[in-house]
Structure formats: C-alpha cells, structure tokens
C-alpha cells in the first residue's frame, strides 16, 4: 500500500487468498490512488460465469492462460495508458 503500480496482474489461484480476495482487499483497504489501479486477472478457466465473478470482485479485465504475448502486451499497455491518464 506504500508503492504505486501502473497495473496489477493477479493469478486467480494462489495460496492463502485467491485473486478475487486479493482484489477486494486492494479495492477496500488501500489508499484511493492504489485502490483505483487496474487489476487484470490471470486464469486458465474460460467459464463466462467465472469471468463475471472476477469483474464483480473489482477486476478490470480477465486474461485467459495460456495467452498470446501480443494480446497480453496490448491489454497491459491499454490499462497502463488509462491508469496514467487517470492520474493527470
């Protein structure tokens, strides 16, 4: 919560907390500038219901693994640009 990031890539499956729990913690308990950071989910699950759950938890986008490098680069770049514009 002390450092500002342009974007966060969060895996959905992690020990202790899943990606949705981490996202909710960031959105609810971090300072406003960090809480507004774009959060992109990384998951191997392509179920549309899970995508909606991720978005409802506060994630900005859901990226499916395995992913193409070009798609990852384009999506991350888009959200970095939006985050920087938001800070101006």
PDB file of N, CA and C in Angstrom:
ATOM      1  N   UNK A   1       0.817  -1.202   0.000  1.00  0.00           N
ATOM      2  CA  UNK A   1       0.000   0.000   0.000  1.00  0.00           C
ATOM      3  C   UNK A   1       0.860   1.266   0.000  1.00  0.00           C
ATOM      4  N   UNK A   2       2.173   1.131   0.038  1.00  0.00           N
ATOM      5  CA  UNK A   2       3.079   2.281   0.060  1.00  0.00           C
ATOM      6  C   UNK A   2       3.607   2.625  -1.333  1.00  0.00           C
ATOM      7  N   UNK A   3       3.463   1.709  -2.290  1.00  0.00           N
ATOM      8  CA  UNK A   3       4.044   1.907  -3.611  1.00  0.00           C
ATOM      9  C   UNK A   3       2.950   1.922  -4.666  1.00  0.00           C
ATOM     10  N   UNK A   4       3.087   2.796  -5.651  1.00  0.00           N
ATOM     11  CA  UNK A   4       2.124   2.918  -6.723  1.00  0.00           C
ATOM     12  C   UNK A   4       2.555   2.066  -7.914  1.00  0.00           C
ATOM     13  N   UNK A   5       1.628   1.300  -8.456  1.00  0.00           N
ATOM     14  CA  UNK A   5       1.881   0.480  -9.626  1.00  0.00           C
ATOM     15  C   UNK A   5       0.926   0.907 -10.736  1.00  0.00           C
ATOM     16  N   UNK A   6       1.354   0.765 -11.986  1.00  0.00           N
ATOM     17  CA  UNK A   6       0.502   1.111 -13.119  1.00  0.00           C
ATOM     18  C   UNK A   6      -0.606   0.093 -13.319  1.00  0.00           C
ATOM     19  N   UNK A   7      -0.322  -1.158 -13.047  1.00  0.00           N
ATOM     20  CA  UNK A   7      -1.272  -2.246 -13.270  1.00  0.00           C
ATOM     21  C   UNK A   7      -0.844  -3.439 -12.416  1.00  0.00           C
ATOM     22  N   UNK A   8      -1.820  -4.264 -12.023  1.00  0.00           N
ATOM     23  CA  UNK A   8      -1.515  -5.486 -11.281  1.00  0.00           C
ATOM     24  C   UNK A   8      -2.020  -6.679 -12.080  1.00  0.00           C
ATOM     25  N   UNK A   9      -1.178  -7.680 -12.244  1.00  0.00           N
ATOM     26  CA  UNK A   9      -1.561  -8.957 -12.842  1.00  0.00           C
ATOM     27  C   UNK A   9      -1.710  -9.937 -11.690  1.00  0.00           C
ATOM     28  N   UNK A  10      -2.918 -10.437 -11.477  1.00  0.00           N
ATOM     29  CA  UNK A  10      -3.178 -11.289 -10.319  1.00  0.00           C
ATOM     30  C   UNK A  10      -3.701 -12.640 -10.771  1.00  0.00           C
ATOM     31  N   UNK A  11      -2.976 -13.673 -10.398  1.00  0.00           N
ATOM     32  CA  UNK A  11      -3.407 -15.039 -10.702  1.00  0.00           C
ATOM     33  C   UNK A  11      -4.612 -15.375  -9.836  1.00  0.00           C
ATOM     34  N   UNK A  12      -5.535 -16.111 -10.372  1.00  0.00           N
ATOM     35  CA  UNK A  12      -6.740 -16.458  -9.629  1.00  0.00           C
ATOM     36  C   UNK A  12      -6.482 -17.522  -8.568  1.00  0.00           C
ATOM     37  N   UNK A  13      -5.529 -18.396  -8.808  1.00  0.00           N
ATOM     38  CA  UNK A  13      -5.228 -19.474  -7.862  1.00  0.00           C
ATOM     39  C   UNK A  13      -3.901 -19.165  -7.181  1.00  0.00           C
ATOM     40  N   UNK A  14      -3.982 -18.866  -5.865  1.00  0.00           N
ATOM     41  CA  UNK A  14      -2.791 -18.572  -5.076  1.00  0.00           C
ATOM     42  C   UNK A  14      -2.988 -19.151  -3.685  1.00  0.00           C
ATOM     43  N   UNK A  15      -1.911 -19.374  -2.961  1.00  0.00           N
ATOM     44  CA  UNK A  15      -2.064 -19.845  -1.583  1.00  0.00           C
ATOM     45  C   UNK A  15      -2.632 -18.738  -0.692  1.00  0.00           C
ATOM     46  N   UNK A  16      -3.331 -19.114   0.329  1.00  0.00           N
ATOM     47  CA  UNK A  16      -3.916 -18.219   1.330  1.00  0.00           C
ATOM     48  C   UNK A  16      -5.134 -17.439   0.830  1.00  0.00           C
ATOM     49  N   UNK A  17      -4.998 -16.645  -0.233  1.00  0.00           N
ATOM     50  CA  UNK A  17      -6.118 -15.871  -0.783  1.00  0.00           C
ATOM     51  C   UNK A  17      -6.174 -16.088  -2.291  1.00  0.00           C
ATOM     52  N   UNK A  18      -7.385 -16.172  -2.836  1.00  0.00           N
ATOM     53  CA  UNK A  18      -7.469 -16.250  -4.291  1.00  0.00           C
ATOM     54  C   UNK A  18      -7.439 -14.833  -4.873  1.00  0.00           C
ATOM     55  N   UNK A  19      -7.387 -14.742  -6.172  1.00  0.00           N
ATOM     56  CA  UNK A  19      -7.273 -13.446  -6.829  1.00  0.00           C
ATOM     57  C   UNK A  19      -8.423 -12.508  -6.531  1.00  0.00           C
ATOM     58  N   UNK A  20      -9.627 -13.044  -6.388  1.00  0.00           N
ATOM     59  CA  UNK A  20     -10.774 -12.195  -6.081  1.00  0.00           C
ATOM     60  C   UNK A  20     -10.659 -11.605  -4.677  1.00  0.00           C
ATOM     61  N   UNK A  21     -10.175 -12.388  -3.731  1.00  0.00           N
ATOM     62  CA  UNK A  21      -9.995 -11.881  -2.367  1.00  0.00           C
ATOM     63  C   UNK A  21      -8.923 -10.794  -2.319  1.00  0.00           C
ATOM     64  N   UNK A  22      -7.826 -11.011  -3.041  1.00  0.00           N
ATOM     65  CA  UNK A  22      -6.756 -10.011  -3.094  1.00  0.00           C
ATOM     66  C   UNK A  22      -7.296  -8.705  -3.697  1.00  0.00           C
ATOM     67  N   UNK A  23      -8.051  -8.840  -4.775  1.00  0.00           N
ATOM     68  CA  UNK A  23      -8.626  -7.663  -5.429  1.00  0.00           C
ATOM     69  C   UNK A  23      -9.540  -6.902  -4.478  1.00  0.00           C
ATOM     70  N   UNK A  24     -10.385  -7.603  -3.775  1.00  0.00           N
ATOM     71  CA  UNK A  24     -11.293  -6.953  -2.833  1.00  0.00           C
ATOM     72  C   UNK A  24     -10.515  -6.241  -1.723  1.00  0.00           C
ATOM     73  N   UNK A  25      -9.434  -6.855  -1.253  1.00  0.00           N
ATOM     74  CA  UNK A  25      -8.600  -6.214  -0.233  1.00  0.00           C
ATOM     75  C   UNK A  25      -8.006  -4.909  -0.764  1.00  0.00           C
ATOM     76  N   UNK A  26      -7.487  -4.954  -1.987  1.00  0.00           N
ATOM     77  CA  UNK A  26      -6.894  -3.754  -2.585  1.00  0.00           C
ATOM     78  C   UNK A  26      -7.950  -2.667  -2.735  1.00  0.00           C
ATOM     79  N   UNK A  27      -9.098  -3.027  -3.284  1.00  0.00           N
ATOM     80  CA  UNK A  27     -10.157  -2.040  -3.545  1.00  0.00           C
ATOM     81  C   UNK A  27     -10.709  -1.425  -2.254  1.00  0.00           C
ATOM     82  N   UNK A  28     -10.769  -2.196  -1.190  1.00  0.00           N
ATOM     83  CA  UNK A  28     -11.406  -1.727   0.041  1.00  0.00           C
ATOM     84  C   UNK A  28     -10.446  -1.119   1.061  1.00  0.00           C
ATOM     85  N   UNK A  29      -9.182  -1.560   1.079  1.00  0.00           N
ATOM     86  CA  UNK A  29      -8.306  -1.185   2.192  1.00  0.00           C
ATOM     87  C   UNK A  29      -7.060  -0.390   1.815  1.00  0.00           C
ATOM     88  N   UNK A  30      -6.828  -0.186   0.534  1.00  0.00           N
ATOM     89  CA  UNK A  30      -5.642   0.555   0.130  1.00  0.00           C
ATOM     90  C   UNK A  30      -6.009   2.027  -0.085  1.00  0.00           C
ATOM     91  N   UNK A  31      -5.026   2.916  -0.046  1.00  0.00           N
ATOM     92  CA  UNK A  31      -5.301   4.320  -0.344  1.00  0.00           C
ATOM     93  C   UNK A  31      -5.927   4.447  -1.737  1.00  0.00           C
ATOM     94  N   UNK A  32      -6.713   5.485  -1.938  1.00  0.00           N
ATOM     95  CA  UNK A  32      -7.506   5.640  -3.168  1.00  0.00           C
ATOM     96  C   UNK A  32      -6.677   5.502  -4.439  1.00  0.00           C
ATOM     97  N   UNK A  33      -5.503   6.105  -4.478  1.00  0.00           N
ATOM     98  CA  UNK A  33      -4.714   6.058  -5.709  1.00  0.00           C
ATOM     99  C   UNK A  33      -4.292   4.616  -6.040  1.00  0.00           C
ATOM    100  N   UNK A  34      -3.996   3.825  -5.035  1.00  0.00           N
ATOM    101  CA  UNK A  34      -3.649   2.418  -5.267  1.00  0.00           C
ATOM    102  C   UNK A  34      -4.897   1.579  -5.513  1.00  0.00           C
ATOM    103  N   UNK A  35      -5.976   1.910  -4.842  1.00  0.00           N
ATOM    104  CA  UNK A  35      -7.216   1.139  -4.983  1.00  0.00           C
ATOM    105  C   UNK A  35      -7.813   1.269  -6.378  1.00  0.00           C
ATOM    106  N   UNK A  36      -7.496   2.348  -7.077  1.00  0.00           N
ATOM    107  CA  UNK A  36      -8.012   2.542  -8.442  1.00  0.00           C
ATOM    108  C   UNK A  36      -7.136   1.900  -9.510  1.00  0.00           C
ATOM    109  N   UNK A  37      -5.995   1.338  -9.127  1.00  0.00           N
ATOM    110  CA  UNK A  37      -5.081   0.725 -10.087  1.00  0.00           C
ATOM    111  C   UNK A  37      -5.805  -0.372 -10.867  1.00  0.00           C
ATOM    112  N   UNK A  38      -5.565  -0.464 -12.176  1.00  0.00           N
ATOM    113  CA  UNK A  38      -6.163  -1.548 -12.953  1.00  0.00           C
ATOM    114  C   UNK A  38      -5.661  -2.907 -12.459  1.00  0.00           C
ATOM    115  N   UNK A  39      -6.585  -3.831 -12.299  1.00  0.00           N
ATOM    116  CA  UNK A  39      -6.246  -5.188 -11.876  1.00  0.00           C
ATOM    117  C   UNK A  39      -6.717  -6.152 -12.954  1.00  0.00           C
ATOM    118  N   UNK A  40      -5.780  -6.931 -13.465  1.00  0.00           N
ATOM    119  CA  UNK A  40      -6.068  -7.898 -14.515  1.00  0.00           C
ATOM    120  C   UNK A  40      -5.924  -9.301 -13.945  1.00  0.00           C
ATOM    121  N   UNK A  41      -6.967 -10.097 -14.092  1.00  0.00           N
ATOM    122  CA  UNK A  41      -6.957 -11.479 -13.601  1.00  0.00           C
ATOM    123  C   UNK A  41      -6.265 -12.376 -14.614  1.00  0.00           C
ATOM    124  N   UNK A  42      -5.522 -13.346 -14.122  1.00  0.00           N
ATOM    125  CA  UNK A  42      -4.917 -14.378 -14.952  1.00  0.00           C
ATOM    126  C   UNK A  42      -5.526 -15.706 -14.535  1.00  0.00           C
ATOM    127  N   UNK A  43      -6.131 -16.409 -15.481  1.00  0.00           N
ATOM    128  CA  UNK A  43      -6.781 -17.667 -15.150  1.00  0.00           C
ATOM    129  C   UNK A  43      -6.777 -18.626 -16.335  1.00  0.00           C
ATOM    130  N   UNK A  44      -6.798 -19.907 -16.026  1.00  0.00           N
ATOM    131  CA  UNK A  44      -6.922 -20.928 -17.058  1.00  0.00           C
ATOM    132  C   UNK A  44      -8.387 -21.292 -17.287  1.00  0.00           C
ATOM    133  N   UNK A  45      -9.260 -20.768 -16.432  1.00  0.00           N
ATOM    134  CA  UNK A  45     -10.685 -21.080 -16.530  1.00  0.00           C
ATOM    135  C   UNK A  45     -11.351 -20.110 -17.500  1.00  0.00           C
ATOM    136  N   UNK A  46     -12.033 -20.637 -18.500  1.00  0.00           N
ATOM    137  CA  UNK A  46     -12.678 -19.782 -19.504  1.00  0.00           C
ATOM    138  C   UNK A  46     -14.191 -19.725 -19.320  1.00  0.00           C
ATOM    139  N   UNK A  47     -14.680 -20.170 -18.199  1.00  0.00           N
ATOM    140  CA  UNK A  47     -16.104 -20.157 -17.919  1.00  0.00           C
ATOM    141  C   UNK A  47     -16.601 -18.706 -17.818  1.00  0.00           C
ATOM    142  N   UNK A  48     -17.637 -18.325 -18.597  1.00  0.00           N
ATOM    143  CA  UNK A  48     -18.148 -16.952 -18.548  1.00  0.00           C
ATOM    144  C   UNK A  48     -18.646 -16.537 -17.154  1.00  0.00           C
ATOM    145  N   UNK A  49     -19.153 -17.468 -16.372  1.00  0.00           N
ATOM    146  CA  UNK A  49     -19.619 -17.156 -15.019  1.00  0.00           C
ATOM    147  C   UNK A  49     -18.441 -16.714 -14.156  1.00  0.00           C
ATOM    148  N   UNK A  50     -17.298 -17.394 -14.286  1.00  0.00           N
ATOM    149  CA  UNK A  50     -16.111 -17.003 -13.525  1.00  0.00           C
ATOM    150  C   UNK A  50     -15.605 -15.636 -13.949  1.00  0.00           C
ATOM    151  N   UNK A  51     -15.700 -15.335 -15.228  1.00  0.00           N
ATOM    152  CA  UNK A  51     -15.311 -14.002 -15.709  1.00  0.00           C
ATOM    153  C   UNK A  51     -16.168 -12.940 -15.023  1.00  0.00           C
ATOM    154  N   UNK A  52     -17.450 -13.157 -14.976  1.00  0.00           N
ATOM    155  CA  UNK A  52     -18.355 -12.199 -14.334  1.00  0.00           C
ATOM    156  C   UNK A  52     -18.062 -12.064 -12.838  1.00  0.00           C
ATOM    157  N   UNK A  53     -17.710 -13.158 -12.186  1.00  0.00           N
ATOM    158  CA  UNK A  53     -17.347 -13.111 -10.764  1.00  0.00           C
ATOM    159  C   UNK A  53     -16.096 -12.258 -10.558  1.00  0.00           C
ATOM    160  N   UNK A  54     -15.124 -12.405 -11.456  1.00  0.00           N
ATOM    161  CA  UNK A  54     -13.892 -11.601 -11.364  1.00  0.00           C
ATOM    162  C   UNK A  54     -14.202 -10.121 -11.526  1.00  0.00           C
ATOM    163  N   UNK A  55     -15.010  -9.789 -12.512  1.00  0.00           N
ATOM    164  CA  UNK A  55     -15.368  -8.393 -12.739  1.00  0.00           C
ATOM    165  C   UNK A  55     -16.175  -7.838 -11.570  1.00  0.00           C
ATOM    166  N   UNK A  56     -17.068  -8.648 -11.019  1.00  0.00           N
ATOM    167  CA  UNK A  56     -17.865  -8.220  -9.866  1.00  0.00           C
ATOM    168  C   UNK A  56     -16.990  -7.999  -8.632  1.00  0.00           C
ATOM    169  N   UNK A  57     -15.869  -8.724  -8.538  1.00  0.00           N
ATOM    170  CA  UNK A  57     -14.951  -8.567  -7.408  1.00  0.00           C
ATOM    171  C   UNK A  57     -14.111  -7.301  -7.536  1.00  0.00           C
ATOM    172  N   UNK A  58     -14.177  -6.634  -8.699  1.00  0.00           N
ATOM    173  CA  UNK A  58     -13.449  -5.384  -8.879  1.00  0.00           C
ATOM    174  C   UNK A  58     -12.304  -5.443  -9.863  1.00  0.00           C
ATOM    175  N   UNK A  59     -12.143  -6.577 -10.539  1.00  0.00           N
ATOM    176  CA  UNK A  59     -11.084  -6.673 -11.544  1.00  0.00           C
ATOM    177  C   UNK A  59     -11.522  -5.933 -12.802  1.00  0.00           C
ATOM    178  N   UNK A  60     -10.550  -5.413 -13.524  1.00  0.00           N
ATOM    179  CA  UNK A  60     -10.857  -4.659 -14.735  1.00  0.00           C
ATOM    180  C   UNK A  60     -10.957  -5.537 -15.970  1.00  0.00           C
ATOM    181  N   UNK A  61     -10.210  -6.620 -15.980  1.00  0.00           N
ATOM    182  CA  UNK A  61     -10.177  -7.496 -17.151  1.00  0.00           C
ATOM    183  C   UNK A  61      -9.757  -8.885 -16.712  1.00  0.00           C
ATOM    184  N   UNK A  62     -10.117  -9.881 -17.512  1.00  0.00           N
ATOM    185  CA  UNK A  62      -9.749 -11.268 -17.243  1.00  0.00           C
ATOM    186  C   UNK A  62      -8.986 -11.790 -18.455  1.00  0.00           C
ATOM    187  N   UNK A  63      -7.756 -12.233 -18.228  1.00  0.00           N
ATOM    188  CA  UNK A  63      -6.907 -12.786 -19.283  1.00  0.00           C
ATOM    189  C   UNK A  63      -6.804 -14.288 -19.082  1.00  0.00           C
ATOM    190  N   UNK A  64      -7.006 -15.018 -20.155  1.00  0.00           N
ATOM    191  CA  UNK A  64      -7.013 -16.479 -20.070  1.00  0.00           C
ATOM    192  C   UNK A  64      -5.650 -17.056 -20.440  1.00  0.00           C
ATOM    193  N   UNK A  65      -5.229 -18.041 -19.633  1.00  0.00           N
ATOM    194  CA  UNK A  65      -3.967 -18.744 -19.883  1.00  0.00           C
ATOM    195  C   UNK A  65      -4.273 -20.021 -20.652  1.00  0.00           C
ATOM    196  N   UNK A  66      -3.403 -20.490 -21.504  1.00  0.00           N
ATOM    197  CA  UNK A  66      -2.200 -19.757 -21.946  1.00  0.00           C
ATOM    198  C   UNK A  66      -2.613 -18.595 -22.843  1.00  0.00           C
ATOM    199  N   UNK A  67      -1.852 -17.535 -22.784  1.00  0.00           N
ATOM    200  CA  UNK A  67      -2.220 -16.358 -23.560  1.00  0.00           C
ATOM    201  C   UNK A  67      -1.147 -16.030 -24.576  1.00  0.00           C
ATOM    202  N   UNK A  68      -1.587 -15.358 -25.605  1.00  0.00           N
ATOM    203  CA  UNK A  68      -0.660 -14.908 -26.638  1.00  0.00           C
ATOM    204  C   UNK A  68       0.065 -13.660 -26.142  1.00  0.00           C
ATOM    205  N   UNK A  69       1.341 -13.596 -26.407  1.00  0.00           N
ATOM    206  CA  UNK A  69       2.158 -12.477 -25.968  1.00  0.00           C
ATOM    207  C   UNK A  69       1.608 -11.153 -26.499  1.00  0.00           C
ATOM    208  N   UNK A  70       1.178 -11.141 -27.748  1.00  0.00           N
ATOM    209  CA  UNK A  70       0.656  -9.911 -28.348  1.00  0.00           C
ATOM    210  C   UNK A  70      -0.600  -9.427 -27.612  1.00  0.00           C
ATOM    211  N   UNK A  71      -1.501 -10.337 -27.274  1.00  0.00           N
ATOM    212  CA  UNK A  71      -2.723  -9.970 -26.550  1.00  0.00           C
ATOM    213  C   UNK A  71      -2.387  -9.437 -25.160  1.00  0.00           C
ATOM    214  N   UNK A  72      -1.468 -10.112 -24.465  1.00  0.00           N
ATOM    215  CA  UNK A  72      -1.053  -9.670 -23.133  1.00  0.00           C
ATOM    216  C   UNK A  72      -0.452  -8.271 -23.204  1.00  0.00           C
ATOM    217  N   UNK A  73       0.461  -8.059 -24.124  1.00  0.00           N
ATOM    218  CA  UNK A  73       1.136  -6.773 -24.270  1.00  0.00           C
ATOM    219  C   UNK A  73       0.141  -5.661 -24.601  1.00  0.00           C
ATOM    220  N   UNK A  74      -0.759  -5.926 -25.506  1.00  0.00           N
ATOM    221  CA  UNK A  74      -1.751  -4.924 -25.909  1.00  0.00           C
ATOM    222  C   UNK A  74      -2.679  -4.564 -24.736  1.00  0.00           C
ATOM    223  N   UNK A  75      -3.141  -5.579 -24.012  1.00  0.00           N
ATOM    224  CA  UNK A  75      -4.070  -5.342 -22.906  1.00  0.00           C
ATOM    225  C   UNK A  75      -3.386  -4.595 -21.758  1.00  0.00           C
ATOM    226  N   UNK A  76      -2.208  -5.043 -21.371  1.00  0.00           N
ATOM    227  CA  UNK A  76      -1.476  -4.373 -20.286  1.00  0.00           C
ATOM    228  C   UNK A  76      -1.158  -2.928 -20.687  1.00  0.00           C
ATOM    229  N   UNK A  77      -0.722  -2.716 -21.920  1.00  0.00           N
ATOM    230  CA  UNK A  77      -0.407  -1.359 -22.391  1.00  0.00           C
ATOM    231  C   UNK A  77      -1.635  -0.457 -22.343  1.00  0.00           C
ATOM    232  N   UNK A  78      -2.781  -0.978 -22.738  1.00  0.00           N
ATOM    233  CA  UNK A  78      -4.021  -0.210 -22.717  1.00  0.00           C
ATOM    234  C   UNK A  78      -4.347   0.239 -21.291  1.00  0.00           C
ATOM    235  N   UNK A  79      -4.241  -0.674 -20.334  1.00  0.00           N
ATOM    236  CA  UNK A  79      -4.587  -0.315 -18.955  1.00  0.00           C
ATOM    237  C   UNK A  79      -3.545   0.579 -18.308  1.00  0.00           C
ATOM    238  N   UNK A  80      -2.289   0.439 -18.685  1.00  0.00           N
ATOM    239  CA  UNK A  80      -1.263   1.357 -18.182  1.00  0.00           C
ATOM    240  C   UNK A  80      -1.542   2.764 -18.691  1.00  0.00           C
ATOM    241  N   UNK A  81      -1.864   2.882 -19.963  1.00  0.00           N
ATOM    242  CA  UNK A  81      -2.180   4.190 -20.536  1.00  0.00           C
ATOM    243  C   UNK A  81      -3.378   4.816 -19.820  1.00  0.00           C
ATOM    244  N   UNK A  82      -4.428   4.034 -19.600  1.00  0.00           N
ATOM    245  CA  UNK A  82      -5.619   4.546 -18.911  1.00  0.00           C
ATOM    246  C   UNK A  82      -5.297   4.956 -17.480  1.00  0.00           C
ATOM    247  N   UNK A  83      -4.477   4.171 -16.790  1.00  0.00           N
ATOM    248  CA  UNK A  83      -4.117   4.489 -15.409  1.00  0.00           C
ATOM    249  C   UNK A  83      -3.337   5.794 -15.339  1.00  0.00           C
ATOM    250  N   UNK A  84      -2.423   5.983 -16.264  1.00  0.00           N
ATOM    251  CA  UNK A  84      -1.627   7.214 -16.261  1.00  0.00           C
ATOM    252  C   UNK A  84      -2.484   8.420 -16.616  1.00  0.00           C
ATOM    253  N   UNK A  85      -3.428   8.273 -17.534  1.00  0.00           N
ATOM    254  CA  UNK A  85      -4.336   9.363 -17.863  1.00  0.00           C
ATOM    255  C   UNK A  85      -5.206   9.730 -16.671  1.00  0.00           C
ATOM    256  N   UNK A  86      -5.595   8.720 -15.890  1.00  0.00           N
ATOM    257  CA  UNK A  86      -6.438   8.932 -14.717  1.00  0.00           C
ATOM    258  C   UNK A  86      -5.719   9.748 -13.657  1.00  0.00           C
ATOM    259  N   UNK A  87      -4.393   9.625 -13.605  1.00  0.00           N
ATOM    260  CA  UNK A  87      -3.600  10.339 -12.590  1.00  0.00           C
ATOM    261  C   UNK A  87      -3.303  11.772 -12.965  1.00  0.00           C
ATOM    262  N   UNK A  88      -3.536  12.153 -14.211  1.00  0.00           N
ATOM    263  CA  UNK A  88      -3.215  13.518 -14.638  1.00  0.00           C
ATOM    264  C   UNK A  88      -4.218  14.519 -14.135  1.00  0.00           C
TER     265      UNK A  88
END
